[in-house]
Amino acid sequence: MTIHKEGYSSLAICILFIFVLNAVMQFYFPEALVIKWIIYILSFVLFVIILQFFRSPSIKIETDEKAVLCPADGKVVVIEETVETEYFKDKRIQLSVFMSPINVHINRNPIAGVVKYFKYHPGKYLVAWHPKSSTENERTTIVIENNNGVAILFRQIAGALARRIVWYVKEGDKADQGAQFGFIKFGSRVDVFLPLGTEIKVELGQVVKGGHTILAELPANIPTKKQNASDAFDAVAAARPVKTTVKKSV
């Protein structure tokens, strides 16, 4: 099993902690066999947990210009129409994936193109499924525009446990579909904002895999950012209805 580079320091600290703890137990309580075995077992469990947090499995990416790949392993917890207020400032389809501590924590580009916008936002550490976590938690916002001029916005969002977001992109970078754009230590949530008229391919509560599951298929004609709201709604009037259910807890 390959370990992601973001896990090297955490694994080193974990191993050092386990070594010191077991050395102290052996030195001060050499006869306490029951306690020592409990410490041994707990040390092993801790090591395995940290190890699987930072695993980096090899996957085969199948690219498709029309498809929006899932950016993270986890579960779909939100599918709704909402107003995106940071970049597009219009109505979009929000699709959110919750990453639990047992998921792979690598984040991948949902589409190929050019990074048109990037911003890091310091913030709170509300639980990842909290309705305000998307706008109040520590997060990054990334917008990629493909060759057809279609832009997708997505966010890494920290949660109550995840206290470090890592990103590898900046404005102007070329982005390959399925390539790593970041990492969230110990899991959290990723939001994806899609154009109206996008055909959603997943269901609420569905387990998805980053770089493998197709979240949606982009429509042939998409309103540009400069169009007003009424024009945008008219352009997608014939599109398949989108679920507007929000899951409050996982």
Protein backbone atom coordinates (compact mmCIF):
# COMPACT_ATOMS: atom_id res chain seq x y z
CA MET A 1 0.00 0.00 0.00
CA THR A 2 1.33 3.43 -1.00
CA ILE A 3 1.35 6.23 1.58
CA HIS A 4 0.51 9.76 0.47
CA LYS A 5 3.26 12.35 0.96
CA GLU A 6 0.99 14.35 3.31
CA GLY A 7 1.12 11.47 5.77
CA TYR A 8 4.88 11.21 6.23
CA SER A 9 5.13 13.63 9.15
CA SER A 10 1.99 12.31 10.86
CA LEU A 11 3.25 8.73 10.60
CA ALA A 12 6.65 9.73 11.97
CA ILE A 13 5.03 11.44 14.97
CA CYS A 14 2.77 8.43 15.52
CA ILE A 15 5.68 5.98 15.47
CA LEU A 16 7.70 8.19 17.85
CA PHE A 17 4.73 8.44 20.25
CA ILE A 18 4.20 4.66 20.21
CA PHE A 19 7.90 4.00 20.79
CA VAL A 20 8.10 6.42 23.75
CA LEU A 21 4.86 5.13 25.28
CA ASN A 22 5.94 1.51 25.10
CA ALA A 23 9.44 2.32 26.37
CA VAL A 24 7.97 4.11 29.40
CA MET A 25 5.66 1.20 30.12
CA GLN A 26 8.52 -1.29 29.87
CA PHE A 27 10.78 0.80 32.13
CA TYR A 28 8.31 1.74 34.89
CA PHE A 29 5.90 -1.21 34.82
CA PRO A 30 7.92 -4.25 33.68
CA GLU A 31 5.66 -6.69 35.57
CA ALA A 32 2.30 -5.22 34.52
CA LEU A 33 1.67 -7.69 31.71
CA VAL A 34 -2.04 -6.96 31.32
CA ILE A 35 -1.51 -3.20 31.09
CA LYS A 36 1.39 -3.64 28.68
CA TRP A 37 -0.69 -5.83 26.36
CA ILE A 38 -3.47 -3.26 26.40
CA ILE A 39 -0.95 -0.58 25.45
CA TYR A 40 0.46 -2.83 22.70
CA ILE A 41 -2.98 -3.40 21.22
CA LEU A 42 -3.94 0.28 21.41
CA SER A 43 -0.60 1.24 19.84
CA PHE A 44 -1.21 -1.16 16.95
CA VAL A 45 -4.74 0.14 16.40
CA LEU A 46 -3.52 3.75 16.41
CA PHE A 47 -0.80 2.94 13.88
CA VAL A 48 -3.26 1.17 11.56
CA ILE A 49 -5.74 4.07 11.77
CA ILE A 50 -3.09 6.66 10.91
CA LEU A 51 -1.77 4.40 8.15
CA GLN A 52 -5.14 4.04 6.46
CA PHE A 53 -5.86 7.78 6.83
CA PHE A 54 -2.99 8.49 4.44
CA ARG A 55 -3.25 5.59 2.02
CA SER A 56 -2.95 6.49 -1.66
CA PRO A 57 -4.40 3.70 -3.81
CA SER A 58 -3.55 3.57 -7.50
CA ILE A 59 -6.59 4.20 -9.72
CA LYS A 60 -7.17 4.36 -13.47
CA ILE A 61 -8.71 7.66 -14.60
CA GLU A 62 -11.06 7.50 -17.60
CA THR A 63 -11.41 11.04 -18.91
CA ASP A 64 -14.55 12.41 -20.56
CA GLU A 65 -15.13 16.07 -21.49
CA LYS A 66 -18.87 15.82 -20.78
CA ALA A 67 -18.49 14.03 -17.46
CA VAL A 68 -17.92 15.56 -14.03
CA LEU A 69 -15.80 13.16 -11.98
CA CYS A 70 -16.25 12.87 -8.24
CA PRO A 71 -13.48 14.88 -6.51
CA ALA A 72 -13.34 12.72 -3.35
CA ASP A 73 -14.25 9.39 -1.78
CA GLY A 74 -17.27 9.54 0.49
CA LYS A 75 -21.05 9.83 0.51
CA VAL A 76 -23.33 12.25 -1.33
CA VAL A 77 -25.06 14.35 1.35
CA VAL A 78 -26.45 17.32 -0.60
CA ILE A 79 -28.07 17.70 -4.03
CA GLU A 80 -29.87 21.03 -4.38
CA GLU A 81 -30.29 24.18 -6.42
CA THR A 82 -28.69 27.12 -4.63
CA VAL A 83 -27.18 30.55 -5.27
CA GLU A 84 -23.39 30.52 -5.43
CA THR A 85 -22.31 33.88 -4.00
CA GLU A 86 -18.50 33.94 -4.24
CA TYR A 87 -17.66 33.64 -7.95
CA PHE A 88 -20.62 32.98 -10.25
CA LYS A 89 -23.15 34.92 -8.17
CA ASP A 90 -26.02 33.07 -9.78
CA LYS A 91 -28.05 29.90 -9.34
CA ARG A 92 -26.18 26.58 -9.53
CA ILE A 93 -26.65 22.94 -8.63
CA GLN A 94 -24.72 22.16 -5.45
CA LEU A 95 -23.56 18.59 -4.92
CA SER A 96 -21.67 17.80 -1.70
CA VAL A 97 -19.61 14.74 -0.77
CA PHE A 98 -18.90 14.01 2.90
CA MET A 99 -15.53 12.38 3.60
CA SER A 100 -15.38 10.31 6.77
CA PRO A 101 -12.10 9.51 8.56
CA ILE A 102 -12.05 6.06 6.93
CA ASN A 103 -12.18 7.41 3.37
CA VAL A 104 -9.22 8.15 1.11
CA HIS A 105 -8.58 11.86 1.62
CA ILE A 106 -7.11 12.73 -1.78
CA ASN A 107 -9.01 15.37 -3.77
CA ARG A 108 -9.14 15.19 -7.59
CA ASN A 109 -10.07 17.59 -10.39
CA PRO A 110 -13.66 16.95 -11.56
CA ILE A 111 -12.96 18.29 -15.06
CA ALA A 112 -9.99 19.23 -17.22
CA GLY A 113 -9.19 22.83 -18.10
CA VAL A 114 -7.54 25.93 -16.68
CA VAL A 115 -7.74 27.16 -13.09
CA LYS A 116 -9.54 30.49 -13.44
CA TYR A 117 -9.93 31.27 -9.74
CA PHE A 118 -8.45 30.17 -6.44
CA LYS A 119 -8.92 31.51 -2.93
CA TYR A 120 -8.19 30.24 0.57
CA HIS A 121 -10.64 31.24 3.31
CA PRO A 122 -9.73 30.89 7.01
CA GLY A 123 -12.76 30.06 9.13
CA LYS A 124 -14.51 27.91 11.70
CA TYR A 125 -14.51 24.14 12.20
CA LEU A 126 -18.21 23.26 12.29
CA VAL A 127 -19.14 19.63 11.65
CA ALA A 128 -18.93 19.00 7.92
CA TRP A 129 -22.65 18.34 7.46
CA HIS A 130 -23.66 21.61 9.13
CA PRO A 131 -25.57 23.84 6.62
CA LYS A 132 -23.21 26.77 7.27
CA SER A 133 -19.98 24.79 6.91
CA SER A 134 -19.84 25.61 3.19
CA THR A 135 -19.62 29.35 3.87
CA GLU A 136 -18.19 29.67 7.41
CA ASN A 137 -15.61 26.88 7.78
CA GLU A 138 -11.98 27.00 6.71
CA ARG A 139 -12.06 26.24 3.00
CA THR A 140 -10.59 26.72 -0.45
CA THR A 141 -12.53 27.71 -3.56
CA ILE A 142 -11.33 26.58 -6.99
CA VAL A 143 -12.85 27.26 -10.41
CA ILE A 144 -11.78 25.28 -13.48
CA GLU A 145 -12.95 26.24 -16.99
CA ASN A 146 -12.81 23.58 -19.70
CA ASN A 147 -12.07 23.98 -23.42
CA ASN A 148 -15.75 24.67 -24.14
CA GLY A 149 -15.85 27.61 -21.75
CA VAL A 150 -17.81 25.70 -19.10
CA ALA A 151 -16.69 26.49 -15.54
CA ILE A 152 -17.08 24.29 -12.46
CA LEU A 153 -16.56 25.60 -8.92
CA PHE A 154 -15.58 23.26 -6.09
CA ARG A 155 -14.53 23.69 -2.48
CA GLN A 156 -12.46 21.82 0.07
CA ILE A 157 -14.14 22.33 3.44
CA ALA A 158 -12.57 21.58 6.82
CA GLY A 159 -14.69 19.95 9.52
CA ALA A 160 -14.60 19.43 13.27
CA LEU A 161 -11.77 16.89 12.98
CA ALA A 162 -10.04 18.02 9.78
CA ARG A 163 -7.85 20.98 10.72
CA ARG A 164 -5.57 21.13 7.72
CA ILE A 165 -6.43 21.63 4.06
CA VAL A 166 -3.67 21.16 1.49
CA TRP A 167 -3.86 22.33 -2.13
CA TYR A 168 -1.52 22.04 -5.11
CA VAL A 169 -3.07 24.52 -7.58
CA LYS A 170 -3.00 28.23 -8.35
CA GLU A 171 -4.69 30.51 -10.86
CA GLY A 172 -3.51 29.91 -14.42
CA ASP A 173 -2.51 26.27 -13.87
CA LYS A 174 -3.52 23.62 -16.40
CA ALA A 175 -5.70 21.00 -14.69
CA ASP A 176 -6.01 17.39 -15.84
CA GLN A 177 -9.26 15.59 -15.13
CA GLY A 178 -8.84 13.20 -12.19
CA ALA A 179 -5.41 14.57 -11.21
CA GLN A 180 -4.80 15.45 -7.55
CA PHE A 181 -5.52 19.07 -6.66
CA GLY A 182 -5.33 18.72 -2.87
CA PHE A 183 -5.72 16.74 0.31
CA ILE A 184 -7.82 17.15 3.47
CA LYS A 185 -6.28 15.52 6.52
CA PHE A 186 -8.69 13.23 8.38
CA GLY A 187 -11.59 13.83 6.01
CA SER A 188 -14.30 16.47 5.74
CA ARG A 189 -16.38 17.64 2.79
CA VAL A 190 -16.11 18.74 -0.84
CA ASP A 191 -18.78 20.90 -2.53
CA VAL A 192 -19.20 21.02 -6.31
CA PHE A 193 -21.27 23.75 -8.02
CA LEU A 194 -22.57 22.76 -11.45
CA PRO A 195 -24.37 24.77 -14.16
CA LEU A 196 -28.15 24.58 -14.27
CA GLY A 197 -29.23 21.93 -16.74
CA THR A 198 -26.49 19.51 -15.70
CA GLU A 199 -27.74 15.92 -15.59
CA ILE A 200 -27.04 14.48 -12.15
CA LYS A 201 -25.88 10.84 -12.23
CA VAL A 202 -25.80 10.09 -8.48
CA GLU A 203 -28.40 9.81 -5.72
CA LEU A 204 -28.54 11.29 -2.23
CA GLY A 205 -26.77 8.93 0.19
CA GLN A 206 -24.81 7.16 -2.56
CA VAL A 207 -21.25 6.07 -1.77
CA VAL A 208 -18.86 7.53 -4.37
CA LYS A 209 -15.18 7.23 -5.25
CA GLY A 210 -12.90 10.10 -6.19
CA GLY A 211 -11.68 10.05 -9.79
CA HIS A 212 -13.95 7.10 -10.62
CA THR A 213 -17.63 7.90 -9.97
CA ILE A 214 -19.30 10.19 -12.52
CA LEU A 215 -21.28 12.79 -10.59
CA ALA A 216 -22.95 14.45 -13.55
CA GLU A 217 -22.98 15.02 -17.29
CA LEU A 218 -22.69 18.58 -18.56
CA PRO A 219 -25.42 19.82 -20.93
CA ALA A 220 -24.65 20.76 -24.53
CA ASN A 221 -25.69 24.39 -24.08
CA ILE A 222 -24.88 26.22 -20.87
CA PRO A 223 -25.73 29.85 -20.05
CA THR A 224 -22.65 32.02 -19.60
CA LYS A 225 -21.83 33.88 -16.41
CA LYS A 226 -22.88 37.19 -18.01
CA GLN A 227 -26.47 36.12 -18.71
CA ASN A 228 -29.13 37.35 -16.33
CA ALA A 229 -31.09 34.97 -14.12
CA SER A 230 -34.27 34.92 -16.25
CA ASP A 231 -32.33 34.01 -19.38
CA ALA A 232 -30.54 31.24 -17.48
CA PHE A 233 -33.78 29.72 -16.21
CA ASP A 234 -35.33 29.83 -19.70
CA ALA A 235 -32.28 28.08 -21.14
CA VAL A 236 -32.69 25.11 -18.78
CA ALA A 237 -36.47 24.93 -18.64
CA ALA A 238 -36.47 21.59 -20.43
CA ALA A 239 -33.70 20.07 -18.30
CA ARG A 240 -34.33 17.07 -16.02
CA PRO A 241 -35.53 18.23 -12.59
CA VAL A 242 -32.89 18.19 -9.90
CA LYS A 243 -33.40 16.88 -6.38
CA THR A 244 -33.52 19.59 -3.75
CA THR A 245 -33.11 17.40 -0.71
CA VAL A 246 -30.49 18.35 1.85
CA LYS A 247 -29.30 15.71 4.28
CA LYS A 248 -28.71 17.31 7.68
CA SER A 249 -26.74 14.47 9.21
CA VAL A 250 -24.71 11.48 8.15
